[in-house]
C-alpha atoms as a PDB file:
ATOM      1  CA  MET A   1       0.000   0.000   0.000  1.00  0.00           C
ATOM      2  CA  ASP A   2       1.487   3.304  -1.093  1.00  0.00           C
ATOM      3  CA  ASP A   3      -1.181   5.858  -0.110  1.00  0.00           C
ATOM      4  CA  PHE A   4      -2.702   6.035   3.371  1.00  0.00           C
ATOM      5  CA  ALA A   5      -2.917   8.013   6.596  1.00  0.00           C
ATOM      6  CA  ALA A   6      -1.637   6.474   9.828  1.00  0.00           C
ATOM      7  CA  ILE A   7      -3.397   7.760  12.933  1.00  0.00           C
ATOM      8  CA  ASP A   8      -2.958   7.391  16.666  1.00  0.00           C
ATOM      9  CA  PHE A   9      -4.980   8.729  19.574  1.00  0.00           C
ATOM     10  CA  GLU A  10      -4.193   9.017  23.258  1.00  0.00           C
ATOM     11  CA  THR A  11      -7.082   9.244  25.713  1.00  0.00           C
ATOM     12  CA  ALA A  12      -7.434  11.010  29.052  1.00  0.00           C
ATOM     13  CA  ASN A  13      -9.650   8.382  30.670  1.00  0.00           C
ATOM     14  CA  ALA A  14     -11.634   5.252  29.861  1.00  0.00           C
ATOM     15  CA  GLU A  15     -14.150   7.150  27.717  1.00  0.00           C
ATOM     16  CA  ARG A  16     -13.388   6.817  24.012  1.00  0.00           C
ATOM     17  CA  THR A  17     -14.507  10.437  23.541  1.00  0.00           C
ATOM     18  CA  SER A  18     -11.657  11.611  25.777  1.00  0.00           C
ATOM     19  CA  VAL A  19      -9.050  11.931  23.043  1.00  0.00           C
ATOM     20  CA  CYS A  20      -6.333  14.228  24.372  1.00  0.00           C
ATOM     21  CA  ALA A  21      -3.709  13.903  21.627  1.00  0.00           C
ATOM     22  CA  VAL A  22      -3.627  12.839  17.996  1.00  0.00           C
ATOM     23  CA  GLY A  23      -0.845  12.065  15.586  1.00  0.00           C
ATOM     24  CA  VAL A  24      -1.339  11.672  11.833  1.00  0.00           C
ATOM     25  CA  VAL A  25       1.199  10.662   9.194  1.00  0.00           C
ATOM     26  CA  VAL A  26       0.231  10.936   5.531  1.00  0.00           C
ATOM     27  CA  VAL A  27       1.931   8.603   3.053  1.00  0.00           C
ATOM     28  CA  ARG A  28       1.643   9.075  -0.705  1.00  0.00           C
ATOM     29  CA  GLY A  29       3.558   7.092  -3.260  1.00  0.00           C
ATOM     30  CA  GLY A  30       5.203   5.137  -0.465  1.00  0.00           C
ATOM     31  CA  GLU A  31       6.744   8.268   1.071  1.00  0.00           C
ATOM     32  CA  VAL A  32       5.794  10.277   4.145  1.00  0.00           C
ATOM     33  CA  VAL A  33       4.590  13.614   2.791  1.00  0.00           C
ATOM     34  CA  ASP A  34       2.918  15.184   5.825  1.00  0.00           C
ATOM     35  CA  SER A  35       2.566  14.771   9.549  1.00  0.00           C
ATOM     36  CA  PHE A  36       0.380  16.457  12.116  1.00  0.00           C
ATOM     37  CA  TYR A  37       0.244  16.453  15.910  1.00  0.00           C
ATOM     38  CA  SER A  38      -2.069  18.212  18.306  1.00  0.00           C
ATOM     39  CA  LEU A  39      -3.098  18.125  21.895  1.00  0.00           C
ATOM     40  CA  ILE A  40      -6.879  18.136  22.335  1.00  0.00           C
ATOM     41  CA  LYS A  41      -9.032  19.232  25.264  1.00  0.00           C
ATOM     42  CA  PRO A  42     -10.715  15.925  26.139  1.00  0.00           C
ATOM     43  CA  GLU A  43     -14.427  15.258  26.612  1.00  0.00           C
ATOM     44  CA  PRO A  44     -15.024  14.526  29.441  1.00  0.00           C
ATOM     45  CA  ASN A  45     -12.211  16.718  30.668  1.00  0.00           C
ATOM     46  CA  TYR A  46     -10.484  14.677  33.353  1.00  0.00           C
ATOM     47  CA  TYR A  47      -7.516  12.336  33.429  1.00  0.00           C
ATOM     48  CA  ASN A  48      -7.348   9.049  35.224  1.00  0.00           C
ATOM     49  CA  TYR A  49      -4.135   7.887  36.808  1.00  0.00           C
ATOM     50  CA  TRP A  50      -3.587   4.996  34.413  1.00  0.00           C
ATOM     51  CA  CYS A  51      -3.899   6.997  31.217  1.00  0.00           C
ATOM     52  CA  SER A  52      -1.626   9.765  32.499  1.00  0.00           C
ATOM     53  CA  ARG A  53       0.876   7.136  33.576  1.00  0.00           C
ATOM     54  CA  VAL A  54       0.948   5.705  30.044  1.00  0.00           C
ATOM     55  CA  HIS A  55       1.355   8.908  28.022  1.00  0.00           C
ATOM     56  CA  GLY A  56       2.365  11.490  30.620  1.00  0.00           C
ATOM     57  CA  LEU A  57      -0.375  13.999  29.754  1.00  0.00           C
ATOM     58  CA  THR A  58      -2.513  15.792  32.353  1.00  0.00           C
ATOM     59  CA  CYS A  59      -5.114  18.571  32.460  1.00  0.00           C
ATOM     60  CA  ALA A  60      -2.257  21.070  32.707  1.00  0.00           C
ATOM     61  CA  ASP A  61      -1.221  20.002  29.194  1.00  0.00           C
ATOM     62  CA  THR A  62      -4.642  20.203  27.563  1.00  0.00           C
ATOM     63  CA  ASP A  63      -6.752  22.753  29.456  1.00  0.00           C
ATOM     64  CA  ASP A  64      -5.902  25.368  26.827  1.00  0.00           C
ATOM     65  CA  ALA A  65      -5.810  22.923  23.901  1.00  0.00           C
ATOM     66  CA  PRO A  66      -8.381  23.139  21.092  1.00  0.00           C
ATOM     67  CA  LEU A  67     -11.530  21.037  21.101  1.00  0.00           C
ATOM     68  CA  PHE A  68     -11.707  18.100  18.720  1.00  0.00           C
ATOM     69  CA  PRO A  69     -13.771  19.837  15.977  1.00  0.00           C
ATOM     70  CA  HIS A  70     -11.025  22.448  15.511  1.00  0.00           C
ATOM     71  CA  VAL A  71      -8.356  19.748  15.324  1.00  0.00           C
ATOM     72  CA  TRP A  72     -10.454  17.627  12.956  1.00  0.00           C
ATOM     73  CA  ALA A  73     -10.777  20.630  10.623  1.00  0.00           C
ATOM     74  CA  GLN A  74      -6.978  20.499  10.269  1.00  0.00           C
ATOM     75  CA  ILE A  75      -6.829  16.701   9.858  1.00  0.00           C
ATOM     76  CA  GLU A  76      -9.696  16.096   7.441  1.00  0.00           C
ATOM     77  CA  PRO A  77      -8.185  17.812   4.379  1.00  0.00           C
ATOM     78  CA  ARG A  78      -4.901  15.977   4.921  1.00  0.00           C
ATOM     79  CA  ILE A  79      -6.483  12.507   4.921  1.00  0.00           C
ATOM     80  CA  LYS A  80      -9.389  13.007   2.528  1.00  0.00           C
ATOM     81  CA  GLY A  81      -9.733  10.050   0.167  1.00  0.00           C
ATOM     82  CA  LEU A  82      -7.100   7.956   1.941  1.00  0.00           C
ATOM     83  CA  PRO A  83      -7.504   4.684   3.811  1.00  0.00           C
ATOM     84  CA  ILE A  84      -6.736   5.057   7.505  1.00  0.00           C
ATOM     85  CA  VAL A  85      -4.270   2.767   9.232  1.00  0.00           C
ATOM     86  CA  ALA A  86      -3.792   2.244  12.967  1.00  0.00           C
ATOM     87  CA  HIS A  87      -1.972  -0.215  15.190  1.00  0.00           C
ATOM     88  CA  ASN A  88      -4.916  -1.752  17.049  1.00  0.00           C
ATOM     89  CA  LYS A  89      -7.578  -0.161  14.889  1.00  0.00           C
ATOM     90  CA  ALA A  90     -10.295  -1.300  17.309  1.00  0.00           C
ATOM     91  CA  PHE A  91      -9.114   1.355  19.766  1.00  0.00           C
ATOM     92  CA  ASP A  92      -8.346   4.210  17.375  1.00  0.00           C
ATOM     93  CA  GLN A  93     -11.414   3.662  15.205  1.00  0.00           C
ATOM     94  CA  ALA A  94     -13.628   3.550  18.313  1.00  0.00           C
ATOM     95  CA  CYS A  95     -12.063   6.794  19.555  1.00  0.00           C
ATOM     96  CA  LEU A  96     -12.539   8.528  16.221  1.00  0.00           C
ATOM     97  CA  ARG A  97     -16.143   7.436  15.856  1.00  0.00           C
ATOM     98  CA  ALA A  98     -17.001   8.264  19.484  1.00  0.00           C
ATOM     99  CA  VAL A  99     -15.494  11.741  19.499  1.00  0.00           C
ATOM    100  CA  MET A 100     -17.033  12.560  16.124  1.00  0.00           C
ATOM    101  CA  ARG A 101     -20.422  11.400  17.362  1.00  0.00           C
ATOM    102  CA  CYS A 102     -19.915  13.434  20.556  1.00  0.00           C
ATOM    103  CA  TYR A 103     -19.467  16.618  18.510  1.00  0.00           C
ATOM    104  CA  GLY A 104     -22.037  15.784  15.814  1.00  0.00           C
ATOM    105  CA  ILE A 105     -19.471  15.350  13.042  1.00  0.00           C
ATOM    106  CA  ASP A 106     -20.336  12.927  10.244  1.00  0.00           C
ATOM    107  CA  PHE A 107     -17.696  10.418   9.242  1.00  0.00           C
ATOM    108  CA  PRO A 108     -18.252   8.382   6.092  1.00  0.00           C
ATOM    109  CA  ASP A 109     -18.681   4.685   6.831  1.00  0.00           C
ATOM    110  CA  ASP A 110     -16.996   3.710   3.559  1.00  0.00           C
ATOM    111  CA  VAL A 111     -13.503   4.893   4.577  1.00  0.00           C
ATOM    112  CA  PRO A 112     -11.268   1.809   4.778  1.00  0.00           C
ATOM    113  CA  PHE A 113      -9.708   1.416   8.237  1.00  0.00           C
ATOM    114  CA  LEU A 114      -6.810  -1.045   8.302  1.00  0.00           C
ATOM    115  CA  CYS A 115      -4.929  -2.537  11.233  1.00  0.00           C
ATOM    116  CA  THR A 116      -1.179  -3.112  11.419  1.00  0.00           C
ATOM    117  CA  LEU A 117      -1.648  -5.118  14.629  1.00  0.00           C
ATOM    118  CA  GLN A 118      -3.882  -7.657  12.869  1.00  0.00           C
ATOM    119  CA  ALA A 119      -1.531  -7.752   9.868  1.00  0.00           C
ATOM    120  CA  ALA A 120       1.502  -8.279  12.114  1.00  0.00           C
ATOM    121  CA  ARG A 121      -0.232 -11.147  13.926  1.00  0.00           C
ATOM    122  CA  ARG A 122      -0.815 -12.820  10.544  1.00  0.00           C
ATOM    123  CA  LYS A 123       2.546 -12.099   8.940  1.00  0.00           C
ATOM    124  CA  MET A 124       4.996 -11.958  11.849  1.00  0.00           C
ATOM    125  CA  ARG A 125       4.077 -14.962  13.970  1.00  0.00           C
ATOM    126  CA  ASN A 126       7.596 -15.409  15.314  1.00  0.00           C
ATOM    127  CA  LEU A 127       7.586 -12.192  17.379  1.00  0.00           C
ATOM    128  CA  PRO A 128       7.377 -12.480  21.181  1.00  0.00           C
ATOM    129  CA  ASN A 129       4.413 -10.055  21.092  1.00  0.00           C
ATOM    130  CA  HIS A 130       2.788  -7.731  18.611  1.00  0.00           C
ATOM    131  CA  GLN A 131       2.961  -4.507  20.571  1.00  0.00           C
ATOM    132  CA  LEU A 132       3.784  -1.417  18.543  1.00  0.00           C
ATOM    133  CA  PRO A 133       7.462  -1.087  19.592  1.00  0.00           C
ATOM    134  CA  THR A 134       8.118  -4.791  18.958  1.00  0.00           C
ATOM    135  CA  VAL A 135       6.574  -4.792  15.498  1.00  0.00           C
ATOM    136  CA  ALA A 136       8.180  -1.455  14.617  1.00  0.00           C
ATOM    137  CA  ALA A 137      11.611  -2.823  15.566  1.00  0.00           C
ATOM    138  CA  ALA A 138      11.010  -5.952  13.474  1.00  0.00           C
ATOM    139  CA  CYS A 139      10.260  -3.646  10.534  1.00  0.00           C
ATOM    140  CA  GLY A 140      13.490  -1.727  11.071  1.00  0.00           C
ATOM    141  CA  TYR A 141      11.944   1.336  12.733  1.00  0.00           C
ATOM    142  CA  ASP A 142      13.583   2.634  15.918  1.00  0.00           C
ATOM    143  CA  MET A 143      10.804   3.817  18.186  1.00  0.00           C
ATOM    144  CA  THR A 144      11.966   6.017  21.037  1.00  0.00           C
ATOM    145  CA  ARG A 145       8.831   7.867  22.212  1.00  0.00           C
ATOM    146  CA  HIS A 146       6.135   5.195  22.572  1.00  0.00           C
ATOM    147  CA  HIS A 147       2.722   6.602  23.581  1.00  0.00           C
ATOM    148  CA  HIS A 148       3.403   9.976  22.028  1.00  0.00           C
ATOM    149  CA  ALA A 149       0.633  10.125  19.419  1.00  0.00           C
ATOM    150  CA  LEU A 150       2.830  11.336  16.565  1.00  0.00           C
ATOM    151  CA  ALA A 151       5.627   8.878  17.337  1.00  0.00           C
ATOM    152  CA  ASP A 152       3.090   6.048  17.409  1.00  0.00           C
ATOM    153  CA  ALA A 153       1.579   7.197  14.098  1.00  0.00           C
ATOM    154  CA  GLU A 154       5.074   7.355  12.566  1.00  0.00           C
ATOM    155  CA  ALA A 155       5.800   3.804  13.745  1.00  0.00           C
ATOM    156  CA  CYS A 156       2.447   2.627  12.409  1.00  0.00           C
ATOM    157  CA  ALA A 157       3.218   4.179   9.025  1.00  0.00           C
ATOM    158  CA  ALA A 158       6.616   2.449   8.922  1.00  0.00           C
ATOM    159  CA  ILE A 159       4.978  -0.873   9.742  1.00  0.00           C
ATOM    160  CA  ALA A 160       2.252  -0.371   7.138  1.00  0.00           C
ATOM    161  CA  LEU A 161       4.845   0.349   4.468  1.00  0.00           C
ATOM    162  CA  GLU A 162       6.561  -2.950   5.311  1.00  0.00           C
ATOM    163  CA  ILE A 163       3.651  -5.362   5.744  1.00  0.00           C
ATOM    164  CA  LEU A 164       0.456  -3.973   4.214  1.00  0.00           C
END
Protein backbone atom coordinates (compact mmCIF):
# COMPACT_ATOMS: atom_id res chain seq x y z
CA MET A 1 0.00 0.00 0.00
CA ASP A 2 1.49 3.30 -1.09
CA ASP A 3 -1.18 5.86 -0.11
CA PHE A 4 -2.70 6.04 3.37
CA ALA A 5 -2.92 8.01 6.60
CA ALA A 6 -1.64 6.47 9.83
CA ILE A 7 -3.40 7.76 12.93
CA ASP A 8 -2.96 7.39 16.67
CA PHE A 9 -4.98 8.73 19.57
CA GLU A 10 -4.19 9.02 23.26
CA THR A 11 -7.08 9.24 25.71
CA ALA A 12 -7.43 11.01 29.05
CA ASN A 13 -9.65 8.38 30.67
CA ALA A 14 -11.63 5.25 29.86
CA GLU A 15 -14.15 7.15 27.72
CA ARG A 16 -13.39 6.82 24.01
CA THR A 17 -14.51 10.44 23.54
CA SER A 18 -11.66 11.61 25.78
CA VAL A 19 -9.05 11.93 23.04
CA CYS A 20 -6.33 14.23 24.37
CA ALA A 21 -3.71 13.90 21.63
CA VAL A 22 -3.63 12.84 18.00
CA GLY A 23 -0.84 12.07 15.59
CA VAL A 24 -1.34 11.67 11.83
CA VAL A 25 1.20 10.66 9.19
CA VAL A 26 0.23 10.94 5.53
CA VAL A 27 1.93 8.60 3.05
CA ARG A 28 1.64 9.07 -0.71
CA GLY A 29 3.56 7.09 -3.26
CA GLY A 30 5.20 5.14 -0.46
CA GLU A 31 6.74 8.27 1.07
CA VAL A 32 5.79 10.28 4.15
CA VAL A 33 4.59 13.61 2.79
CA ASP A 34 2.92 15.18 5.83
CA SER A 35 2.57 14.77 9.55
CA PHE A 36 0.38 16.46 12.12
CA TYR A 37 0.24 16.45 15.91
CA SER A 38 -2.07 18.21 18.31
CA LEU A 39 -3.10 18.12 21.90
CA ILE A 40 -6.88 18.14 22.34
CA LYS A 41 -9.03 19.23 25.26
CA PRO A 42 -10.71 15.93 26.14
CA GLU A 43 -14.43 15.26 26.61
CA PRO A 44 -15.02 14.53 29.44
CA ASN A 45 -12.21 16.72 30.67
CA TYR A 46 -10.48 14.68 33.35
CA TYR A 47 -7.52 12.34 33.43
CA ASN A 48 -7.35 9.05 35.22
CA TYR A 49 -4.13 7.89 36.81
CA TRP A 50 -3.59 5.00 34.41
CA CYS A 51 -3.90 7.00 31.22
CA SER A 52 -1.63 9.76 32.50
CA ARG A 53 0.88 7.14 33.58
CA VAL A 54 0.95 5.70 30.04
CA HIS A 55 1.36 8.91 28.02
CA GLY A 56 2.36 11.49 30.62
CA LEU A 57 -0.38 14.00 29.75
CA THR A 58 -2.51 15.79 32.35
CA CYS A 59 -5.11 18.57 32.46
CA ALA A 60 -2.26 21.07 32.71
CA ASP A 61 -1.22 20.00 29.19
CA THR A 62 -4.64 20.20 27.56
CA ASP A 63 -6.75 22.75 29.46
CA ASP A 64 -5.90 25.37 26.83
CA ALA A 65 -5.81 22.92 23.90
CA PRO A 66 -8.38 23.14 21.09
CA LEU A 67 -11.53 21.04 21.10
CA PHE A 68 -11.71 18.10 18.72
CA PRO A 69 -13.77 19.84 15.98
CA HIS A 70 -11.03 22.45 15.51
CA VAL A 71 -8.36 19.75 15.32
CA TRP A 72 -10.45 17.63 12.96
CA ALA A 73 -10.78 20.63 10.62
CA GLN A 74 -6.98 20.50 10.27
CA ILE A 75 -6.83 16.70 9.86
CA GLU A 76 -9.70 16.10 7.44
CA PRO A 77 -8.19 17.81 4.38
CA ARG A 78 -4.90 15.98 4.92
CA ILE A 79 -6.48 12.51 4.92
CA LYS A 80 -9.39 13.01 2.53
CA GLY A 81 -9.73 10.05 0.17
CA LEU A 82 -7.10 7.96 1.94
CA PRO A 83 -7.50 4.68 3.81
CA ILE A 84 -6.74 5.06 7.51
CA VAL A 85 -4.27 2.77 9.23
CA ALA A 86 -3.79 2.24 12.97
CA HIS A 87 -1.97 -0.22 15.19
CA ASN A 88 -4.92 -1.75 17.05
CA LYS A 89 -7.58 -0.16 14.89
CA ALA A 90 -10.29 -1.30 17.31
CA PHE A 91 -9.11 1.36 19.77
CA ASP A 92 -8.35 4.21 17.38
CA GLN A 93 -11.41 3.66 15.21
CA ALA A 94 -13.63 3.55 18.31
CA CYS A 95 -12.06 6.79 19.56
CA LEU A 96 -12.54 8.53 16.22
CA ARG A 97 -16.14 7.44 15.86
CA ALA A 98 -17.00 8.26 19.48
CA VAL A 99 -15.49 11.74 19.50
CA MET A 100 -17.03 12.56 16.12
CA ARG A 101 -20.42 11.40 17.36
CA CYS A 102 -19.92 13.43 20.56
CA TYR A 103 -19.47 16.62 18.51
CA GLY A 104 -22.04 15.78 15.81
CA ILE A 105 -19.47 15.35 13.04
CA ASP A 106 -20.34 12.93 10.24
CA PHE A 107 -17.70 10.42 9.24
CA PRO A 108 -18.25 8.38 6.09
CA ASP A 109 -18.68 4.69 6.83
CA ASP A 110 -17.00 3.71 3.56
CA VAL A 111 -13.50 4.89 4.58
CA PRO A 112 -11.27 1.81 4.78
CA PHE A 113 -9.71 1.42 8.24
CA LEU A 114 -6.81 -1.04 8.30
CA CYS A 115 -4.93 -2.54 11.23
CA THR A 116 -1.18 -3.11 11.42
CA LEU A 117 -1.65 -5.12 14.63
CA GLN A 118 -3.88 -7.66 12.87
CA ALA A 119 -1.53 -7.75 9.87
CA ALA A 120 1.50 -8.28 12.11
CA ARG A 121 -0.23 -11.15 13.93
CA ARG A 122 -0.82 -12.82 10.54
CA LYS A 123 2.55 -12.10 8.94
CA MET A 124 5.00 -11.96 11.85
CA ARG A 125 4.08 -14.96 13.97
CA ASN A 126 7.60 -15.41 15.31
CA LEU A 127 7.59 -12.19 17.38
CA PRO A 128 7.38 -12.48 21.18
CA ASN A 129 4.41 -10.06 21.09
CA HIS A 130 2.79 -7.73 18.61
CA GLN A 131 2.96 -4.51 20.57
CA LEU A 132 3.78 -1.42 18.54
CA PRO A 133 7.46 -1.09 19.59
CA THR A 134 8.12 -4.79 18.96
CA VAL A 135 6.57 -4.79 15.50
CA ALA A 136 8.18 -1.45 14.62
CA ALA A 137 11.61 -2.82 15.57
CA ALA A 138 11.01 -5.95 13.47
CA CYS A 139 10.26 -3.65 10.53
CA GLY A 140 13.49 -1.73 11.07
CA TYR A 141 11.94 1.34 12.73
CA ASP A 142 13.58 2.63 15.92
CA MET A 143 10.80 3.82 18.19
CA THR A 144 11.97 6.02 21.04
CA ARG A 145 8.83 7.87 22.21
CA HIS A 146 6.13 5.19 22.57
CA HIS A 147 2.72 6.60 23.58
CA HIS A 148 3.40 9.98 22.03
CA ALA A 149 0.63 10.13 19.42
CA LEU A 150 2.83 11.34 16.56
CA ALA A 151 5.63 8.88 17.34
CA ASP A 152 3.09 6.05 17.41
CA ALA A 153 1.58 7.20 14.10
CA GLU A 154 5.07 7.36 12.57
CA ALA A 155 5.80 3.80 13.75
CA CYS A 156 2.45 2.63 12.41
CA ALA A 157 3.22 4.18 9.02
CA ALA A 158 6.62 2.45 8.92
CA ILE A 159 4.98 -0.87 9.74
CA ALA A 160 2.25 -0.37 7.14
CA LEU A 161 4.84 0.35 4.47
CA GLU A 162 6.56 -2.95 5.31
CA ILE A 163 3.65 -5.36 5.74
CA LEU A 164 0.46 -3.97 4.21
